[in-house]
Amino acid sequence: MSEALSLDRFEQAYETVRKVTLDTSLIYSDYLTEKTGGKVYLKPENMQRTGAYKVRGAYYKISTLSPEERDRGLITASAGNHAQGVAYAAREFGARAVIVMPTGTPLIKINRTRALGAEVVLFGDVYDEACDHAYRLAEENGYTFIHPFDDPDVATGQGTIAMEIIKDLPLVDMILVPVGGGGLATGVATLAKYLKPNVKVIGVEPAGAACLKASLREGKVVTLPDVNTIADGTAVKTPGVRIFPWLQQNLDEVITVPDEELVTAFLDMVENHKMVVENSGLLTVAALGHIDCRGKKVVSVLSGGNMDIITMSSVVQQGLIFRDRIFTVSVLLPDKPGELHRVSGVLADMKGNVIKLEHNQFVSINRNSAVELRITIEAFGTDHKNQIISRLKEEGYGPRLVSTNI
């Protein structure tokens, strides 16, 4: 068999994974195109089987195993998406699967992994700790370990995304790909360079887990002391050691984005594209604001869409606050009838939508400013918010912005 990450292995993987993957053809984004000045396309792997691209690498890797290796049982560690990919692929091959997941993994990912027939073991606070435990279990029980990213065969399977991108958009100039451990970036960048050497491939990491950027800077794999990001699928301390040379050779650049930008990117996807994309998958959308896209055909890979409802509601709330579409002001009113009606009239005249009121009559003994009114208001954005505050000032209320809690 030819070497992993070679062109003929990518072609083999492409034909293999087609048996189980769904069509995720590129989606042209009018909104992001207008916003960036480039022609922006989305590769919606959030719509893939199991909700993420990971089924590609898992299925291809398991297809290369011998029957004896599969019969021993398969084990892996994952924050969720690789878990579901391995569970699904193992079921297709009739193999047992054991998945070790960090204890903080969203419940939706745990339940979906179990629903695919896998046994789930919760261990550790982050992926790296779960992975160490999975290795121990593999040694104790003789399981075959399927690494989520540091495996050239797995990376070869993930790289089939690049084949599909270039088939859909032969003149693509730039591909943005999320980075956790680096398996997806390895596969996409390597195959993209085989097929179209001039294409620029940019890896995107969360600022709170930028292990690949640190490693490339040092010229060797380094381990971060800790990671802190809402992008749980890319919260990795150490990039893959085996795949690192391909990343060094084929990635043109690695950039980082803060969590706050993932929050607003979520709103962009939901409101303008009617798609749910998880925080790690949003890295490439947020990254568009950090690069010059003008005049270029750009593809953002949306790596997954497995977000639990509680996280989703929190992200939506924070996104509205960051975009100044929800804000809270405190005003002091005289303690006399009609003042609440008067303030409400001002807000109505400014088209501000009141969504919460807190009324406190005991903040002062001065009856001219004895009542504090905290008003949470929905606005169209920053300009509208500023107009509302200016009007309240003109009316003599002395509005003070306070932290929004809804």
Protein backbone atom coordinates (compact mmCIF):
# COMPACT_ATOMS: atom_id res chain seq x y z
CA MET A 1 0.00 0.00 0.00
CA SER A 2 1.25 3.49 -0.81
CA GLU A 3 2.24 5.93 1.89
CA ALA A 4 -0.43 7.89 3.78
CA LEU A 5 -0.95 11.48 2.64
CA SER A 6 0.24 10.61 -0.85
CA LEU A 7 -1.92 11.64 -3.79
CA ASP A 8 -3.02 8.10 -4.61
CA ARG A 9 -4.01 7.50 -0.98
CA PHE A 10 -6.07 10.69 -1.03
CA GLU A 11 -7.81 9.42 -4.17
CA GLN A 12 -8.44 6.07 -2.46
CA ALA A 13 -9.78 7.83 0.63
CA TYR A 14 -12.06 10.00 -1.50
CA GLU A 15 -13.68 6.96 -3.05
CA THR A 16 -13.89 5.20 0.32
CA VAL A 17 -15.51 7.95 2.36
CA ARG A 18 -18.08 8.66 -0.35
CA LYS A 19 -19.81 5.48 0.84
CA VAL A 20 -20.79 7.14 4.12
CA THR A 21 -20.56 10.92 3.72
CA LEU A 22 -23.30 13.33 2.72
CA ASP A 23 -22.95 15.91 -0.02
CA THR A 24 -21.80 19.19 1.51
CA SER A 25 -21.48 21.31 -1.62
CA LEU A 26 -20.14 24.83 -1.24
CA ILE A 27 -22.61 27.56 -0.29
CA TYR A 28 -21.99 31.06 -1.61
CA SER A 29 -22.39 33.67 1.14
CA ASP A 30 -23.81 36.96 -0.08
CA TYR A 31 -23.56 38.36 3.45
CA LEU A 32 -19.88 37.51 4.03
CA THR A 33 -18.99 38.47 0.47
CA GLU A 34 -20.43 41.94 0.98
CA LYS A 35 -18.80 42.22 4.39
CA THR A 36 -15.28 41.23 3.29
CA GLY A 37 -15.00 42.29 -0.34
CA GLY A 38 -14.03 38.78 -1.41
CA LYS A 39 -16.18 36.00 -2.83
CA VAL A 40 -16.80 33.85 0.24
CA TYR A 41 -18.02 30.27 0.12
CA LEU A 42 -18.87 27.99 3.03
CA LYS A 43 -18.01 24.29 3.18
CA PRO A 44 -20.86 23.15 5.48
CA GLU A 45 -19.46 20.10 7.26
CA ASN A 46 -21.83 21.04 10.08
CA MET A 47 -24.40 19.37 7.81
CA GLN A 48 -22.28 16.22 7.48
CA ARG A 49 -23.31 12.84 8.84
CA THR A 50 -22.82 12.88 12.66
CA GLY A 51 -22.75 16.69 12.42
CA ALA A 52 -19.04 17.09 11.63
CA TYR A 53 -16.25 16.23 9.20
CA LYS A 54 -14.73 13.68 11.60
CA VAL A 55 -16.61 10.75 10.11
CA ARG A 56 -14.31 11.05 7.07
CA GLY A 57 -11.05 10.33 8.88
CA ALA A 58 -12.58 7.78 11.23
CA TYR A 59 -14.18 5.73 8.47
CA TYR A 60 -11.11 5.80 6.26
CA LYS A 61 -8.77 4.85 9.11
CA ILE A 62 -10.95 1.93 10.17
CA SER A 63 -11.18 0.80 6.53
CA THR A 64 -7.38 0.40 6.49
CA LEU A 65 -7.32 -1.86 9.59
CA SER A 66 -7.08 -5.62 9.40
CA PRO A 67 -10.07 -7.71 10.57
CA GLU A 68 -7.99 -8.74 13.60
CA GLU A 69 -7.38 -5.10 14.56
CA ARG A 70 -11.08 -4.31 14.28
CA ASP A 71 -12.09 -7.44 16.20
CA ARG A 72 -10.02 -6.37 19.22
CA GLY A 73 -12.30 -3.38 19.63
CA LEU A 74 -11.61 0.27 18.86
CA ILE A 75 -10.88 3.05 21.32
CA THR A 76 -10.33 6.77 20.99
CA ALA A 77 -10.45 10.02 22.93
CA SER A 78 -12.48 12.98 21.78
CA ALA A 79 -14.28 16.11 22.87
CA GLY A 80 -17.22 14.91 20.82
CA ASN A 81 -17.06 15.04 17.04
CA HIS A 82 -14.37 12.41 16.50
CA ALA A 83 -16.22 10.32 19.07
CA GLN A 84 -19.33 10.28 16.93
CA GLY A 85 -17.30 9.67 13.79
CA VAL A 86 -15.59 6.63 15.28
CA ALA A 87 -18.83 5.36 16.79
CA TYR A 88 -20.61 5.62 13.45
CA ALA A 89 -17.76 4.08 11.46
CA ALA A 90 -17.28 1.26 13.99
CA ARG A 91 -20.97 0.41 13.72
CA GLU A 92 -20.67 0.29 9.93
CA PHE A 93 -17.82 -2.21 10.26
CA GLY A 94 -19.49 -4.17 13.07
CA ALA A 95 -16.73 -3.33 15.56
CA ARG A 96 -16.95 -2.44 19.24
CA ALA A 97 -16.09 1.18 20.09
CA VAL A 98 -15.02 2.69 23.42
CA ILE A 99 -14.82 6.49 23.57
CA VAL A 100 -13.07 8.46 26.32
CA MET A 101 -14.42 12.00 26.59
CA PRO A 102 -13.49 14.92 28.90
CA THR A 103 -15.90 15.33 31.78
CA GLY A 104 -16.99 18.75 30.50
CA THR A 105 -18.10 17.46 27.10
CA PRO A 106 -21.56 18.82 26.18
CA LEU A 107 -24.30 16.33 26.98
CA ILE A 108 -25.61 16.32 23.42
CA LYS A 109 -22.29 14.92 22.17
CA ILE A 110 -22.20 12.24 24.87
CA ASN A 111 -25.76 11.12 24.17
CA ARG A 112 -25.28 11.04 20.41
CA THR A 113 -22.11 8.99 20.77
CA ARG A 114 -23.91 6.46 22.94
CA ALA A 115 -26.85 6.41 20.51
CA LEU A 116 -24.44 5.26 17.80
CA GLY A 117 -23.63 2.19 19.90
CA ALA A 118 -20.36 3.24 21.53
CA GLU A 119 -19.41 2.85 25.19
CA VAL A 120 -18.56 6.27 26.68
CA VAL A 121 -16.00 6.76 29.46
CA LEU A 122 -15.76 10.24 30.98
CA PHE A 123 -12.30 11.20 32.22
CA GLY A 124 -10.21 14.37 32.66
CA ASP A 125 -10.88 18.06 32.28
CA VAL A 126 -9.45 18.48 28.77
CA TYR A 127 -8.84 16.32 25.71
CA ASP A 128 -5.20 15.63 26.56
CA GLU A 129 -6.11 14.00 29.88
CA ALA A 130 -8.84 11.93 28.22
CA CYS A 131 -6.36 10.82 25.57
CA ASP A 132 -3.80 9.62 28.13
CA HIS A 133 -6.53 7.56 29.81
CA ALA A 134 -7.61 6.09 26.48
CA TYR A 135 -4.04 4.94 25.80
CA ARG A 136 -3.98 3.23 29.20
CA LEU A 137 -7.24 1.43 28.49
CA ALA A 138 -5.99 0.38 25.07
CA GLU A 139 -2.88 -1.16 26.61
CA GLU A 140 -4.83 -2.89 29.37
CA ASN A 141 -7.52 -4.32 27.08
CA GLY A 142 -5.78 -4.73 23.74
CA TYR A 143 -8.00 -2.22 21.94
CA THR A 144 -6.91 -0.65 18.64
CA PHE A 145 -6.42 3.08 19.20
CA ILE A 146 -7.86 5.52 16.63
CA HIS A 147 -6.21 8.87 17.19
CA PRO A 148 -8.46 11.86 16.49
CA PHE A 149 -5.78 13.81 14.63
CA ASP A 150 -2.19 12.57 15.04
CA ASP A 151 -2.49 9.81 12.46
CA PRO A 152 -1.61 10.23 8.77
CA ASP A 153 -4.43 7.88 7.74
CA VAL A 154 -6.99 9.87 9.71
CA ALA A 155 -5.61 13.10 8.21
CA THR A 156 -5.83 11.55 4.74
CA GLY A 157 -9.52 10.90 5.28
CA GLN A 158 -10.11 14.45 6.48
CA GLY A 159 -8.28 15.78 3.45
CA THR A 160 -11.05 14.56 1.14
CA ILE A 161 -12.69 17.90 1.98
CA ALA A 162 -10.05 19.61 -0.18
CA MET A 163 -10.88 17.34 -3.11
CA GLU A 164 -14.53 18.37 -2.89
CA ILE A 165 -13.71 22.07 -2.50
CA ILE A 166 -11.54 22.14 -5.61
CA LYS A 167 -14.09 20.14 -7.60
CA ASP A 168 -16.75 22.69 -6.64
CA LEU A 169 -14.52 25.76 -7.01
CA PRO A 170 -11.50 25.07 -9.24
CA LEU A 171 -10.31 28.69 -9.06
CA VAL A 172 -10.31 28.90 -5.27
CA ASP A 173 -7.62 31.27 -3.96
CA MET A 174 -7.75 30.62 -0.22
CA ILE A 175 -9.03 27.92 2.13
CA LEU A 176 -9.54 28.59 5.82
CA VAL A 177 -9.53 25.55 8.08
CA PRO A 178 -10.04 25.21 11.85
CA VAL A 179 -7.15 23.83 13.89
CA GLY A 180 -7.26 21.83 17.10
CA GLY A 181 -4.70 19.05 16.96
CA GLY A 182 -4.08 19.62 13.26
CA GLY A 183 -5.48 16.53 11.53
CA LEU A 184 -8.01 18.39 9.41
CA ALA A 185 -5.50 21.11 8.54
CA THR A 186 -2.89 18.49 7.61
CA GLY A 187 -5.20 16.67 5.22
CA VAL A 188 -6.74 19.74 3.63
CA ALA A 189 -3.48 21.66 3.22
CA THR A 190 -1.53 18.68 1.87
CA LEU A 191 -4.09 17.65 -0.74
CA ALA A 192 -4.83 21.25 -1.71
CA LYS A 193 -1.13 21.78 -2.46
CA TYR A 194 -1.02 18.60 -4.56
CA LEU A 195 -4.00 19.67 -6.63
CA LYS A 196 -3.47 23.43 -6.73
CA PRO A 197 -0.01 24.51 -5.53
CA ASN A 198 -0.84 28.22 -5.57
CA VAL A 199 -3.84 27.96 -3.27
CA LYS A 200 -3.27 29.56 0.13
CA VAL A 201 -4.31 27.43 3.12
CA ILE A 202 -4.69 29.21 6.46
CA GLY A 203 -5.17 27.44 9.76
CA VAL A 204 -7.33 29.16 12.39
CA GLU A 205 -6.99 28.52 16.12
CA PRO A 206 -8.80 29.91 19.14
CA ALA A 207 -6.59 32.44 20.90
CA GLY A 208 -6.95 30.49 24.13
CA ALA A 209 -5.64 27.25 22.62
CA ALA A 210 -3.07 28.28 20.01
CA CYS A 211 -0.81 25.23 20.30
CA LEU A 212 0.03 24.99 16.59
CA LYS A 213 0.97 28.65 16.27
CA ALA A 214 3.29 28.26 19.26
CA SER A 215 4.80 25.08 17.81
CA LEU A 216 5.41 26.59 14.38
CA ARG A 217 7.07 29.58 16.02
CA GLU A 218 9.42 27.27 17.96
CA GLY A 219 10.01 24.95 15.01
CA LYS A 220 8.97 21.93 17.08
CA VAL A 221 5.89 20.56 18.81
CA VAL A 222 5.26 22.32 22.11
CA THR A 223 2.64 21.78 24.79
CA LEU A 224 0.69 24.71 26.20
CA PRO A 225 0.46 24.86 30.01
CA ASP A 226 -3.32 25.20 29.76
CA VAL A 227 -6.11 26.05 27.33
CA ASN A 228 -9.11 28.31 27.82
CA THR A 229 -11.66 28.67 25.04
CA ILE A 230 -15.35 28.18 24.32
CA ALA A 231 -14.31 26.28 21.19
CA ASP A 232 -14.27 22.91 22.97
CA GLY A 233 -13.62 20.92 19.79
CA THR A 234 -10.28 22.68 19.29
CA ALA A 235 -9.25 23.00 22.96
CA VAL A 236 -6.01 21.04 22.51
CA LYS A 237 -2.72 21.62 24.36
CA THR A 238 -0.41 19.77 21.95
CA PRO A 239 -0.64 19.45 18.14
CA GLY A 240 0.04 16.12 16.49
CA VAL A 241 3.68 15.07 16.54
CA ARG A 242 3.44 12.67 13.58
CA ILE A 243 1.60 15.13 11.35
CA PHE A 244 3.59 18.22 12.35
CA PRO A 245 6.02 18.03 9.38
CA TRP A 246 3.10 18.21 6.92
CA LEU A 247 1.69 21.20 8.76
CA GLN A 248 5.07 22.94 8.61
CA GLN A 249 5.35 22.25 4.91
CA ASN A 250 1.84 22.93 3.64
CA LEU A 251 0.10 25.46 5.88
CA ASP A 252 0.79 28.98 4.65
CA GLU A 253 -0.21 30.71 7.87
CA VAL A 254 -1.89 30.21 11.24
CA ILE A 255 -3.99 32.97 12.76
CA THR A 256 -5.88 33.14 16.03
CA VAL A 257 -9.24 34.62 16.94
CA PRO A 258 -10.66 35.48 20.39
CA ASP A 259 -13.74 33.79 21.77
CA GLU A 260 -15.75 37.02 21.57
CA GLU A 261 -15.56 36.89 17.78
CA LEU A 262 -16.88 33.33 17.73
CA VAL A 263 -19.94 34.55 19.60
CA THR A 264 -20.80 37.18 16.99
CA ALA A 265 -19.96 34.77 14.16
CA PHE A 266 -22.61 32.44 15.55
CA LEU A 267 -25.21 35.18 15.11
CA ASP A 268 -24.03 35.74 11.54
CA MET A 269 -24.54 32.08 10.69
CA VAL A 270 -27.94 31.76 12.36
CA GLU A 271 -29.42 35.03 11.11
CA ASN A 272 -27.94 35.19 7.63
CA HIS A 273 -27.52 31.53 6.69
CA LYS A 274 -30.02 29.75 8.97
CA MET A 275 -27.31 27.34 10.09
CA VAL A 276 -26.15 26.20 13.51
CA VAL A 277 -22.35 25.98 13.62
CA GLU A 278 -20.44 25.05 16.77
CA ASN A 279 -17.78 27.35 18.16
CA SER A 280 -14.82 25.46 16.67
CA GLY A 281 -16.50 25.48 13.27
CA LEU A 282 -16.93 29.24 13.50
CA LEU A 283 -13.19 29.89 13.68
CA THR A 284 -12.93 30.28 9.92
CA VAL A 285 -15.86 32.69 9.79
CA ALA A 286 -14.39 34.89 12.51
CA ALA A 287 -11.01 34.73 10.73
CA LEU A 288 -12.42 36.52 7.68
CA GLY A 289 -12.12 39.77 9.61
CA HIS A 290 -8.37 39.20 10.08
CA ILE A 291 -7.34 38.65 6.46
CA ASP A 292 -7.52 40.57 3.20
CA CYS A 293 -10.16 38.81 1.12
CA ARG A 294 -10.66 41.52 -1.48
CA GLY A 295 -10.80 40.14 -5.00
CA LYS A 296 -10.22 36.56 -3.80
CA LYS A 297 -12.33 33.40 -3.84
CA VAL A 298 -12.27 32.19 -0.24
CA VAL A 299 -13.65 29.00 1.30
CA SER A 300 -14.36 28.80 5.03
CA VAL A 301 -14.60 25.23 6.28
CA LEU A 302 -17.38 24.93 8.87
CA SER A 303 -16.08 21.86 10.65
CA GLY A 304 -19.09 20.96 12.79
CA GLY A 305 -22.50 21.87 14.15
CA ASN A 306 -22.83 19.89 17.37
CA MET A 307 -23.72 22.53 19.93
CA ASP A 308 -25.87 21.82 22.97
CA ILE A 309 -28.92 23.99 23.59
CA ILE A 310 -27.64 25.54 26.84
CA THR A 311 -24.41 26.67 25.16
CA MET A 312 -26.39 27.90 22.18
CA SER A 313 -28.69 30.07 24.29
CA SER A 314 -25.71 31.55 26.13
CA VAL A 315 -23.89 32.31 22.87
CA VAL A 316 -26.97 33.99 21.38
CA GLN A 317 -27.41 36.17 24.47
CA GLN A 318 -23.75 37.19 24.54
CA GLY A 319 -23.76 37.84 20.81
CA LEU A 320 -26.70 40.21 21.09
CA ILE A 321 -24.94 42.04 23.91
CA PHE A 322 -21.65 42.28 21.99
CA ARG A 323 -23.50 43.68 18.97
CA ASP A 324 -25.29 46.28 21.17
CA ARG A 325 -28.64 44.79 20.24
CA ILE A 326 -29.42 44.27 23.92
CA PHE A 327 -28.25 46.66 26.62
CA THR A 328 -29.25 47.75 30.12
CA VAL A 329 -29.40 51.28 31.52
CA SER A 330 -30.06 52.55 35.02
CA VAL A 331 -31.99 55.81 35.50
CA LEU A 332 -33.06 57.60 38.70
CA LEU A 333 -36.62 58.88 38.81
CA PRO A 334 -38.56 61.15 41.19
CA ASP A 335 -40.83 59.13 43.48
CA LYS A 336 -44.14 60.33 42.10
CA PRO A 337 -46.90 58.94 39.87
CA GLY A 338 -46.48 59.03 36.09
CA GLU A 339 -42.66 58.89 35.90
CA LEU A 340 -42.56 55.29 34.66
CA HIS A 341 -45.10 56.17 31.98
CA ARG A 342 -42.96 59.14 30.94
CA VAL A 343 -39.81 57.03 30.54
CA SER A 344 -41.75 54.39 28.63
CA GLY A 345 -42.98 57.07 26.26
CA VAL A 346 -39.43 58.22 25.53
CA LEU A 347 -38.31 54.67 24.76
CA ALA A 348 -41.36 54.00 22.59
CA ASP A 349 -40.72 57.19 20.64
CA MET A 350 -37.12 55.99 20.01
CA LYS A 351 -38.36 52.52 18.89
CA GLY A 352 -36.53 50.86 21.77
CA ASN A 353 -38.14 47.57 22.76
CA VAL A 354 -38.24 47.04 26.56
CA ILE A 355 -37.63 43.38 27.43
CA LYS A 356 -37.02 43.68 31.18
CA LEU A 357 -37.68 46.20 33.97
CA GLU A 358 -36.37 46.32 37.54
CA HIS A 359 -37.92 48.93 39.83
CA ASN A 360 -36.32 49.81 43.19
CA GLN A 361 -37.89 52.49 45.41
CA PHE A 362 -35.34 52.24 48.21
CA VAL A 363 -32.05 53.49 46.72
CA SER A 364 -32.24 56.98 48.24
CA ILE A 365 -34.14 59.10 50.77
CA ASN A 366 -34.08 61.99 48.27
CA ARG A 367 -37.57 61.83 46.78
CA ASN A 368 -36.43 63.74 43.67
CA SER A 369 -34.22 60.79 42.70
CA ALA A 370 -35.50 58.06 44.96
CA VAL A 371 -36.39 55.35 42.44
CA GLU A 372 -33.85 53.38 40.41
CA LEU A 373 -35.20 51.92 37.19
CA ARG A 374 -33.05 49.35 35.36
CA ILE A 375 -34.27 48.85 31.83
CA THR A 376 -33.05 46.13 29.47
CA ILE A 377 -33.70 47.29 25.92
CA GLU A 378 -33.54 45.67 22.49
CA ALA A 379 -32.02 47.93 19.82
CA PHE A 380 -31.04 47.64 16.17
CA GLY A 381 -27.33 48.01 16.96
CA THR A 382 -24.72 50.43 18.25
CA ASP A 383 -26.04 53.56 16.49
CA HIS A 384 -29.58 52.96 17.71
CA LYS A 385 -28.35 52.25 21.25
CA ASN A 386 -26.41 55.53 21.31
CA GLN A 387 -29.44 57.43 20.03
CA ILE A 388 -31.61 56.02 22.84
CA ILE A 389 -29.04 56.93 25.50
CA SER A 390 -28.66 60.45 24.08
CA ARG A 391 -32.41 60.96 24.16
CA LEU A 392 -32.60 59.79 27.80
CA LYS A 393 -29.85 62.29 28.64
CA GLU A 394 -31.76 65.08 26.89
CA GLU A 395 -34.81 64.23 28.99
CA GLY A 396 -32.71 64.63 32.15
CA TYR A 397 -32.57 61.01 33.27
CA GLY A 398 -28.77 60.65 33.41
CA PRO A 399 -28.72 57.07 32.07
CA ARG A 400 -25.91 54.83 33.27
CA LEU A 401 -24.96 51.65 31.40
CA VAL A 402 -24.88 48.56 33.61
CA SER A 403 -24.11 44.92 33.01
CA THR A 404 -26.87 43.11 31.18
CA ASN A 405 -28.20 39.98 32.81
CA ILE A 406 -31.18 38.33 31.12
